[in-house]
PDB file of all heavy atoms in Angstrom:
ATOM      1  N   LYS A   1       7.015   4.092   4.237  1.00  0.00           N
ATOM      2  CA  LYS A   1       7.487   4.726   3.071  1.00  0.00           C
ATOM      3  C   LYS A   1       8.824   5.519   3.295  1.00  0.00           C
ATOM      4  O   LYS A   1       9.298   6.125   2.401  1.00  0.00           O
ATOM      5  CB  LYS A   1       6.534   5.790   2.478  1.00  0.00           C
ATOM      6  CG  LYS A   1       5.192   5.198   2.026  1.00  0.00           C
ATOM      7  CD  LYS A   1       4.299   6.281   1.590  1.00  0.00           C
ATOM      8  CE  LYS A   1       2.999   5.751   0.996  1.00  0.00           C
ATOM      9  NZ  LYS A   1       2.079   6.795   0.525  1.00  0.00           N
ATOM     10  N   ASN A   2       9.433   5.338   4.486  1.00  0.00           N
ATOM     11  CA  ASN A   2      10.649   6.097   4.863  1.00  0.00           C
ATOM     12  C   ASN A   2      10.612   7.606   4.479  1.00  0.00           C
ATOM     13  O   ASN A   2      11.524   8.115   3.929  1.00  0.00           O
ATOM     14  CB  ASN A   2      11.822   5.345   3.989  1.00  0.00           C
ATOM     15  CG  ASN A   2      12.431   4.183   4.784  1.00  0.00           C
ATOM     16  OD1 ASN A   2      11.743   3.529   5.653  1.00  0.00           O
ATOM     17  ND2 ASN A   2      13.755   4.044   4.649  1.00  0.00           N
ATOM     18  N   THR A   3       9.399   8.181   4.879  1.00  0.00           N
ATOM     19  CA  THR A   3       9.189   9.487   4.454  1.00  0.00           C
ATOM     20  C   THR A   3       8.734  10.340   5.599  1.00  0.00           C
ATOM     21  O   THR A   3       7.922   9.945   6.474  1.00  0.00           O
ATOM     22  CB  THR A   3       8.242   9.575   3.264  1.00  0.00           C
ATOM     23  OG1 THR A   3       8.649   8.802   2.190  1.00  0.00           O
ATOM     24  CG2 THR A   3       7.948  11.044   2.841  1.00  0.00           C
ATOM     25  N   VAL A   4       9.281  11.642   5.654  1.00  0.00           N
ATOM     26  CA  VAL A   4       8.702  12.589   6.595  1.00  0.00           C
ATOM     27  C   VAL A   4       8.045  13.754   5.792  1.00  0.00           C
ATOM     28  O   VAL A   4       8.539  14.039   4.647  1.00  0.00           O
ATOM     29  CB  VAL A   4       9.889  13.074   7.545  1.00  0.00           C
ATOM     30  CG1 VAL A   4      10.894  13.832   6.730  1.00  0.00           C
ATOM     31  CG2 VAL A   4       9.291  13.944   8.695  1.00  0.00           C
ATOM     32  N   TYR A   5       7.049  14.316   6.355  1.00  0.00           N
ATOM     33  CA  TYR A   5       6.341  15.374   5.627  1.00  0.00           C
ATOM     34  C   TYR A   5       6.160  16.588   6.589  1.00  0.00           C
ATOM     35  O   TYR A   5       6.379  16.527   7.806  1.00  0.00           O
ATOM     36  CB  TYR A   5       4.838  14.900   5.469  1.00  0.00           C
ATOM     37  CG  TYR A   5       4.733  13.734   4.673  1.00  0.00           C
ATOM     38  CD1 TYR A   5       4.614  12.406   5.345  1.00  0.00           C
ATOM     39  CD2 TYR A   5       4.743  13.633   3.312  1.00  0.00           C
ATOM     40  CE1 TYR A   5       4.468  11.189   4.568  1.00  0.00           C
ATOM     41  CE2 TYR A   5       4.600  12.441   2.554  1.00  0.00           C
ATOM     42  CZ  TYR A   5       4.496  11.202   3.223  1.00  0.00           C
ATOM     43  OH  TYR A   5       4.322  10.086   2.492  1.00  0.00           O
ATOM     44  N   LEU A   6       6.149  17.746   5.892  1.00  0.00           N
ATOM     45  CA  LEU A   6       5.787  19.000   6.602  1.00  0.00           C
ATOM     46  C   LEU A   6       4.585  19.514   5.863  1.00  0.00           C
ATOM     47  O   LEU A   6       4.802  20.096   4.779  1.00  0.00           O
ATOM     48  CB  LEU A   6       6.926  19.907   6.579  1.00  0.00           C
ATOM     49  CG  LEU A   6       6.773  21.215   7.474  1.00  0.00           C
ATOM     50  CD1 LEU A   6       6.737  20.882   8.816  1.00  0.00           C
ATOM     51  CD2 LEU A   6       7.836  22.144   7.197  1.00  0.00           C
ATOM     52  N   GLN A   7       3.437  19.492   6.563  1.00  0.00           N
ATOM     53  CA  GLN A   7       2.211  20.165   5.962  1.00  0.00           C
ATOM     54  C   GLN A   7       2.191  21.615   6.518  1.00  0.00           C
ATOM     55  O   GLN A   7       2.161  21.878   7.782  1.00  0.00           O
ATOM     56  CB  GLN A   7       1.000  19.393   6.483  1.00  0.00           C
ATOM     57  CG  GLN A   7      -0.364  20.027   6.094  1.00  0.00           C
ATOM     58  CD  GLN A   7      -0.557  20.008   4.536  1.00  0.00           C
ATOM     59  OE1 GLN A   7      -0.381  19.009   3.968  1.00  0.00           O
ATOM     60  NE2 GLN A   7      -0.854  21.118   3.991  1.00  0.00           N
ATOM     61  N   MET A   8       2.208  22.607   5.581  1.00  0.00           N
ATOM     62  CA  MET A   8       2.319  24.036   5.931  1.00  0.00           C
ATOM     63  C   MET A   8       0.984  24.708   5.476  1.00  0.00           C
ATOM     64  O   MET A   8       0.669  24.640   4.264  1.00  0.00           O
ATOM     65  CB  MET A   8       3.488  24.590   5.136  1.00  0.00           C
ATOM     66  CG  MET A   8       4.757  23.982   5.457  1.00  0.00           C
ATOM     67  SD  MET A   8       6.229  24.837   4.848  1.00  0.00           S
ATOM     68  CE  MET A   8       5.930  24.581   3.066  1.00  0.00           C
ATOM     69  N   ASN A   9       0.308  25.135   6.411  1.00  0.00           N
ATOM     70  CA  ASN A   9      -0.948  25.819   6.144  1.00  0.00           C
ATOM     71  C   ASN A   9      -0.861  27.319   6.571  1.00  0.00           C
ATOM     72  O   ASN A   9      -0.112  27.721   7.325  1.00  0.00           O
ATOM     73  CB  ASN A   9      -2.121  25.167   6.906  1.00  0.00           C
ATOM     74  CG  ASN A   9      -2.372  23.770   6.495  1.00  0.00           C
ATOM     75  OD1 ASN A   9      -2.188  23.357   5.360  1.00  0.00           O
ATOM     76  ND2 ASN A   9      -2.764  22.832   7.510  1.00  0.00           N
ATOM     77  N   ILE A  10      -1.863  28.089   6.014  1.00  0.00           N
ATOM     78  CA  ILE A  10      -1.928  29.609   6.366  1.00  0.00           C
ATOM     79  C   ILE A  10      -0.506  30.185   6.116  1.00  0.00           C
ATOM     80  O   ILE A  10      -0.001  30.839   7.055  1.00  0.00           O
ATOM     81  CB  ILE A  10      -2.568  29.752   7.599  1.00  0.00           C
ATOM     82  CG1 ILE A  10      -3.764  28.760   8.010  1.00  0.00           C
ATOM     83  CG2 ILE A  10      -2.999  31.309   7.809  1.00  0.00           C
ATOM     84  CD1 ILE A  10      -4.256  29.012   9.389  1.00  0.00           C
ATOM     85  N   LEU A  11       0.112  29.972   5.022  1.00  0.00           N
ATOM     86  CA  LEU A  11       1.448  30.356   4.823  1.00  0.00           C
ATOM     87  C   LEU A  11       1.486  31.894   4.760  1.00  0.00           C
ATOM     88  O   LEU A  11       0.632  32.597   4.224  1.00  0.00           O
ATOM     89  CB  LEU A  11       1.963  29.864   3.476  1.00  0.00           C
ATOM     90  CG  LEU A  11       2.359  28.471   3.667  1.00  0.00           C
ATOM     91  CD1 LEU A  11       2.529  27.713   2.319  1.00  0.00           C
ATOM     92  CD2 LEU A  11       3.731  28.319   4.362  1.00  0.00           C
ATOM     93  N   LYS A  12       2.571  32.406   5.271  1.00  0.00           N
ATOM     94  CA  LYS A  12       2.842  33.881   5.429  1.00  0.00           C
ATOM     95  C   LYS A  12       4.119  34.201   4.552  1.00  0.00           C
ATOM     96  O   LYS A  12       5.008  33.370   4.367  1.00  0.00           O
ATOM     97  CB  LYS A  12       3.066  34.348   6.827  1.00  0.00           C
ATOM     98  CG  LYS A  12       1.877  33.960   7.702  1.00  0.00           C
ATOM     99  CD  LYS A  12       2.255  34.313   9.179  1.00  0.00           C
ATOM    100  CE  LYS A  12       1.090  33.927  10.145  1.00  0.00           C
ATOM    101  NZ  LYS A  12       1.436  34.320  11.545  1.00  0.00           N
ATOM    102  N   PRO A  13       4.312  35.415   4.085  1.00  0.00           N
ATOM    103  CA  PRO A  13       5.471  35.777   3.396  1.00  0.00           C
ATOM    104  C   PRO A  13       6.803  35.535   4.194  1.00  0.00           C
ATOM    105  O   PRO A  13       7.814  35.124   3.609  1.00  0.00           O
ATOM    106  CB  PRO A  13       5.385  37.397   3.160  1.00  0.00           C
ATOM    107  CG  PRO A  13       3.923  37.481   3.066  1.00  0.00           C
ATOM    108  CD  PRO A  13       3.280  36.491   4.031  1.00  0.00           C
ATOM    109  N   GLU A  14       6.677  35.682   5.469  1.00  0.00           N
ATOM    110  CA  GLU A  14       7.854  35.434   6.360  1.00  0.00           C
ATOM    111  C   GLU A  14       8.256  33.872   6.469  1.00  0.00           C
ATOM    112  O   GLU A  14       9.355  33.602   6.988  1.00  0.00           O
ATOM    113  CB  GLU A  14       7.676  35.978   7.753  1.00  0.00           C
ATOM    114  CG  GLU A  14       6.392  35.586   8.345  1.00  0.00           C
ATOM    115  CD  GLU A  14       5.360  36.701   8.247  1.00  0.00           C
ATOM    116  OE1 GLU A  14       5.199  37.207   7.201  1.00  0.00           O
ATOM    117  OE2 GLU A  14       4.697  36.971   9.375  1.00  0.00           O
ATOM    118  N   ASP A  15       7.351  33.040   5.868  1.00  0.00           N
ATOM    119  CA  ASP A  15       7.769  31.645   5.797  1.00  0.00           C
ATOM    120  C   ASP A  15       8.624  31.358   4.600  1.00  0.00           C
ATOM    121  O   ASP A  15       9.069  30.247   4.495  1.00  0.00           O
ATOM    122  CB  ASP A  15       6.475  30.744   5.696  1.00  0.00           C
ATOM    123  CG  ASP A  15       5.548  30.783   6.930  1.00  0.00           C
ATOM    124  OD1 ASP A  15       6.189  30.813   8.086  1.00  0.00           O
ATOM    125  OD2 ASP A  15       4.343  30.876   6.743  1.00  0.00           O
ATOM    126  N   SER A  16       8.744  32.287   3.739  1.00  0.00           N
ATOM    127  CA  SER A  16       9.562  32.072   2.460  1.00  0.00           C
ATOM    128  C   SER A  16      11.059  31.785   2.871  1.00  0.00           C
ATOM    129  O   SER A  16      11.649  32.492   3.678  1.00  0.00           O
ATOM    130  CB  SER A  16       9.593  33.341   1.626  1.00  0.00           C
ATOM    131  OG  SER A  16       8.350  33.589   1.092  1.00  0.00           O
ATOM    132  N   ALA A  17      11.571  30.654   2.375  1.00  0.00           N
ATOM    133  CA  ALA A  17      12.940  30.267   2.786  1.00  0.00           C
ATOM    134  C   ALA A  17      13.203  28.983   1.949  1.00  0.00           C
ATOM    135  O   ALA A  17      12.310  28.382   1.322  1.00  0.00           O
ATOM    136  CB  ALA A  17      13.042  29.930   4.254  1.00  0.00           C
ATOM    137  N   VAL A  18      14.472  28.563   2.064  1.00  0.00           N
ATOM    138  CA  VAL A  18      14.901  27.220   1.596  1.00  0.00           C
ATOM    139  C   VAL A  18      14.670  26.266   2.746  1.00  0.00           C
ATOM    140  O   VAL A  18      15.182  26.575   3.873  1.00  0.00           O
ATOM    141  CB  VAL A  18      16.371  27.166   1.079  1.00  0.00           C
ATOM    142  CG1 VAL A  18      16.647  25.717   0.675  1.00  0.00           C
ATOM    143  CG2 VAL A  18      16.488  28.098  -0.070  1.00  0.00           C
ATOM    144  N   TYR A  19      13.890  25.169   2.586  1.00  0.00           N
ATOM    145  CA  TYR A  19      13.617  24.259   3.617  1.00  0.00           C
ATOM    146  C   TYR A  19      14.480  23.106   3.412  1.00  0.00           C
ATOM    147  O   TYR A  19      14.484  22.507   2.326  1.00  0.00           O
ATOM    148  CB  TYR A  19      12.052  23.956   3.555  1.00  0.00           C
ATOM    149  CG  TYR A  19      11.213  24.889   4.140  1.00  0.00           C
ATOM    150  CD1 TYR A  19      10.982  26.171   3.530  1.00  0.00           C
ATOM    151  CD2 TYR A  19      10.609  24.796   5.474  1.00  0.00           C
ATOM    152  CE1 TYR A  19      10.130  27.183   4.121  1.00  0.00           C
ATOM    153  CE2 TYR A  19       9.814  25.739   6.017  1.00  0.00           C
ATOM    154  CZ  TYR A  19       9.557  26.956   5.322  1.00  0.00           C
ATOM    155  OH  TYR A  19       8.895  27.984   5.872  1.00  0.00           O
ATOM    156  N   TYR A  20      15.104  22.593   4.522  1.00  0.00           N
ATOM    157  CA  TYR A  20      15.969  21.445   4.597  1.00  0.00           C
ATOM    158  C   TYR A  20      15.508  20.424   5.340  1.00  0.00           C
ATOM    159  O   TYR A  20      15.112  20.587   6.511  1.00  0.00           O
ATOM    160  CB  TYR A  20      17.432  21.915   5.054  1.00  0.00           C
ATOM    161  CG  TYR A  20      18.127  22.955   4.145  1.00  0.00           C
ATOM    162  CD1 TYR A  20      17.902  24.344   4.456  1.00  0.00           C
ATOM    163  CD2 TYR A  20      18.858  22.619   3.054  1.00  0.00           C
ATOM    164  CE1 TYR A  20      18.610  25.263   3.637  1.00  0.00           C
ATOM    165  CE2 TYR A  20      19.524  23.448   2.328  1.00  0.00           C
ATOM    166  CZ  TYR A  20      19.358  24.854   2.711  1.00  0.00           C
ATOM    167  OH  TYR A  20      20.059  25.864   1.871  1.00  0.00           O
ATOM    168  N   CYS A  21      15.547  19.139   4.871  1.00  0.00           N
ATOM    169  CA  CYS A  21      15.261  17.954   5.592  1.00  0.00           C
ATOM    170  C   CYS A  21      16.591  17.524   6.318  1.00  0.00           C
ATOM    171  O   CYS A  21      17.564  17.618   5.792  1.00  0.00           O
ATOM    172  CB  CYS A  21      14.775  16.870   4.666  1.00  0.00           C
ATOM    173  SG  CYS A  21      14.301  15.284   5.514  1.00  0.00           S
ATOM    174  N   ASN A  22      16.388  17.032   7.586  1.00  0.00           N
ATOM    175  CA  ASN A  22      17.510  16.683   8.299  1.00  0.00           C
ATOM    176  C   ASN A  22      17.177  15.315   9.031  1.00  0.00           C
ATOM    177  O   ASN A  22      16.109  15.131   9.527  1.00  0.00           O
ATOM    178  CB  ASN A  22      17.873  17.732   9.342  1.00  0.00           C
ATOM    179  CG  ASN A  22      18.810  17.291  10.514  1.00  0.00           C
ATOM    180  OD1 ASN A  22      18.468  16.691  11.415  1.00  0.00           O
ATOM    181  ND2 ASN A  22      20.056  17.767  10.349  1.00  0.00           N
ATOM    182  N   ALA A  23      18.219  14.468   9.066  1.00  0.00           N
ATOM    183  CA  ALA A  23      17.987  13.155   9.782  1.00  0.00           C
ATOM    184  C   ALA A  23      19.252  12.975  10.804  1.00  0.00           C
ATOM    185  O   ALA A  23      20.375  13.207  10.459  1.00  0.00           O
ATOM    186  CB  ALA A  23      18.004  11.995   8.803  1.00  0.00           C
ATOM    187  N   LEU A  24      18.811  12.652  11.952  1.00  0.00           N
ATOM    188  CA  LEU A  24      19.847  12.301  13.073  1.00  0.00           C
ATOM    189  C   LEU A  24      19.780  10.756  13.195  1.00  0.00           C
ATOM    190  O   LEU A  24      18.683  10.225  13.575  1.00  0.00           O
ATOM    191  CB  LEU A  24      19.511  12.967  14.341  1.00  0.00           C
ATOM    192  CG  LEU A  24      20.416  12.557  15.554  1.00  0.00           C
ATOM    193  CD1 LEU A  24      21.830  12.835  15.339  1.00  0.00           C
ATOM    194  CD2 LEU A  24      19.830  13.300  16.833  1.00  0.00           C
ATOM    195  N   VAL A  25      20.859  10.131  12.996  1.00  0.00           N
ATOM    196  CA  VAL A  25      20.996   8.624  13.051  1.00  0.00           C
ATOM    197  C   VAL A  25      21.922   8.321  14.198  1.00  0.00           C
ATOM    198  O   VAL A  25      23.035   8.673  14.185  1.00  0.00           O
ATOM    199  CB  VAL A  25      21.374   8.007  11.779  1.00  0.00           C
ATOM    200  CG1 VAL A  25      21.617   6.489  11.904  1.00  0.00           C
ATOM    201  CG2 VAL A  25      20.533   8.431  10.591  1.00  0.00           C
ATOM    202  N   VAL A  26      21.305   7.566  15.152  1.00  0.00           N
ATOM    203  CA  VAL A  26      22.165   7.098  16.202  1.00  0.00           C
ATOM    204  C   VAL A  26      22.415   5.580  16.128  1.00  0.00           C
ATOM    205  O   VAL A  26      21.468   4.752  15.925  1.00  0.00           O
ATOM    206  CB  VAL A  26      21.458   7.332  17.623  1.00  0.00           C
ATOM    207  CG1 VAL A  26      22.259   6.798  18.753  1.00  0.00           C
ATOM    208  CG2 VAL A  26      21.174   8.794  17.769  1.00  0.00           C
ATOM    209  N   ARG A  27      23.655   5.196  16.073  1.00  0.00           N
ATOM    210  CA  ARG A  27      23.925   3.800  15.953  1.00  0.00           C
ATOM    211  C   ARG A  27      24.066   3.086  17.230  1.00  0.00           C
ATOM    212  O   ARG A  27      24.138   3.661  18.320  1.00  0.00           O
ATOM    213  CB  ARG A  27      25.392   3.645  15.262  1.00  0.00           C
ATOM    214  CG  ARG A  27      25.305   4.275  13.735  1.00  0.00           C
ATOM    215  CD  ARG A  27      26.674   4.171  13.080  1.00  0.00           C
ATOM    216  NE  ARG A  27      27.664   5.032  13.716  1.00  0.00           N
ATOM    217  CZ  ARG A  27      27.793   6.332  13.396  1.00  0.00           C
ATOM    218  NH1 ARG A  27      26.960   6.845  12.540  1.00  0.00           N
ATOM    219  NH2 ARG A  27      28.722   7.018  14.025  1.00  0.00           N
ATOM    220  N   LEU A  28      23.985   1.775  17.180  1.00  0.00           N
ATOM    221  CA  LEU A  28      24.065   0.914  18.389  1.00  0.00           C
ATOM    222  C   LEU A  28      25.276   1.207  19.213  1.00  0.00           C
ATOM    223  O   LEU A  28      25.361   1.046  20.391  1.00  0.00           O
ATOM    224  CB  LEU A  28      23.879  -0.561  18.052  1.00  0.00           C
ATOM    225  CG  LEU A  28      22.520  -1.010  17.532  1.00  0.00           C
ATOM    226  CD1 LEU A  28      22.554  -2.406  17.159  1.00  0.00           C
ATOM    227  CD2 LEU A  28      21.475  -0.693  18.521  1.00  0.00           C
ATOM    228  N   SER A  29      26.411   1.555  18.451  1.00  0.00           N
ATOM    229  CA  SER A  29      27.651   1.875  19.168  1.00  0.00           C
ATOM    230  C   SER A  29      27.513   3.164  20.072  1.00  0.00           C
ATOM    231  O   SER A  29      28.522   3.412  20.790  1.00  0.00           O
ATOM    232  CB  SER A  29      28.801   1.909  18.126  1.00  0.00           C
ATOM    233  OG  SER A  29      28.578   3.102  17.302  1.00  0.00           O
ATOM    234  N   GLY A  30      26.637   4.017  19.791  1.00  0.00           N
ATOM    235  CA  GLY A  30      26.489   5.228  20.425  1.00  0.00           C
ATOM    236  C   GLY A  30      26.818   6.317  19.549  1.00  0.00           C
ATOM    237  O   GLY A  30      26.652   7.495  19.873  1.00  0.00           O
TER     238      GLY A  30
END
């Protein structure tokens, strides 16, 4: 599905934030 997930349990107030997805792509060229 070309999808990554973050399952977050037992959430705390200090978990409050903007959450960002990030991808690192390495090409054959390096």
